[in-house]
Amino acid sequence: MPRASDSGGFDAAHILGEWLKSCRRGTNISRNTIAIGLVVLHHFRKQVPVSRDEVVSQGGEVKGARSGLGNILEAYGIPRTYLKEVTTRQAHQDAQHLFEAFRWGAPLAALSKEDKDAILDDLVAVLVTEASRWLRRQNLKLPLDRRQAPSTWVQTIVQSAKSRSSGVVEQHLVGAKLERRFKDKQVPNHPAHAADKQTAREGDFSIRALVYHVTATPSRDVIQKCASNLTVGKHPILLVPGEQVYRAIALAQDEGIDAQVSVMSIENFVALNIIELATEEETDFFTVLQEIIEIYNRRLSEVETDLSLQIELH
């Protein structure tokens, strides 16, 4: 029985391996890529060959990557919480490249059902292994020295999450801080990458006339959102990691709004509130930080699928 690496001149394992290499962003393979790869292989399991019109919508999305994704993941032993739906345009483009690399399943169609299923089982196992590796990731366990300043604690959190967060930790940390600070206000809680979709939201958080924008990597898009806030009488506050403050200011200068938008580091923004709250409530700084992290973990679990980004303080 041929396996994925030996199928009559058709090296399916090599094709999948080269596709995964092409989909890497830096050193990582995203969950979107793994999920969309499983969707493609699932299409091949049901029918080969397939035509583009059968599996790709006119808008370029792969069928099954939204409403059917949870069922596909569970069929291969991956929990639905791994990914709610494939959300990035790049992932759908990656899927089309995989379809093309496999010539829309034509070589598989020449095999018996038994041989085809055996090859697909091997290919699926590669993707499931990648998904399992991600699912085994540990929470962010951070040993903090209580003698250090609150700004050092927050900097440690932001830096520790840098390689994994993609802005998720930063947004929910700010959201938790605002919820702790404004107990009488409803602080909205959205998935960190909801801003990637077309939404009518004026920013990540709005409180009275203030609009907070949180990003790990400031771009012209977020500066233009700040400019839009100004046109309706709102004051935009742009929060970025400390190392990105000068870049954010430069972008605001390019847009001509640097004198009207407040650009602050996330580290100082959160730390200053820890100090103020602890002073007002006559408690210690670390207790306030712990309370903010408890709120952060709850907010994260309500809207995100990557629960390995929950924080444990030691």
Foldseek 3Di string as FASTA:
>chain_A
DDACCGDPPRNNVVLLVVLQVVQDDPNDRDLLQLLLVLVLLVVLLVDPQDDCVVAAPPVLAGPCQAPNSQVSCVVLPHHCLLDRGNDDSVSSVSSVVSCVSCPSRHSLVVDDSVRSVNHSVVSNVVSVVSSVVLVPFAAAEDEDDQVDAQLVVVLSLCVSCVVPQQQQLLLLLVLLLVCLVCVVDDWDFAGRCPVVDDDPDLENTDDDLEHEHEGAADDLVVLVSQVVSVVVRGAYEYEYAPVCQVVNLVSNVVVVCSVRHHYDYSSCVSRVSLVVVCVVVVHGSVVSVVSSLVSSLVSCVVHHSSSSHRYHYD
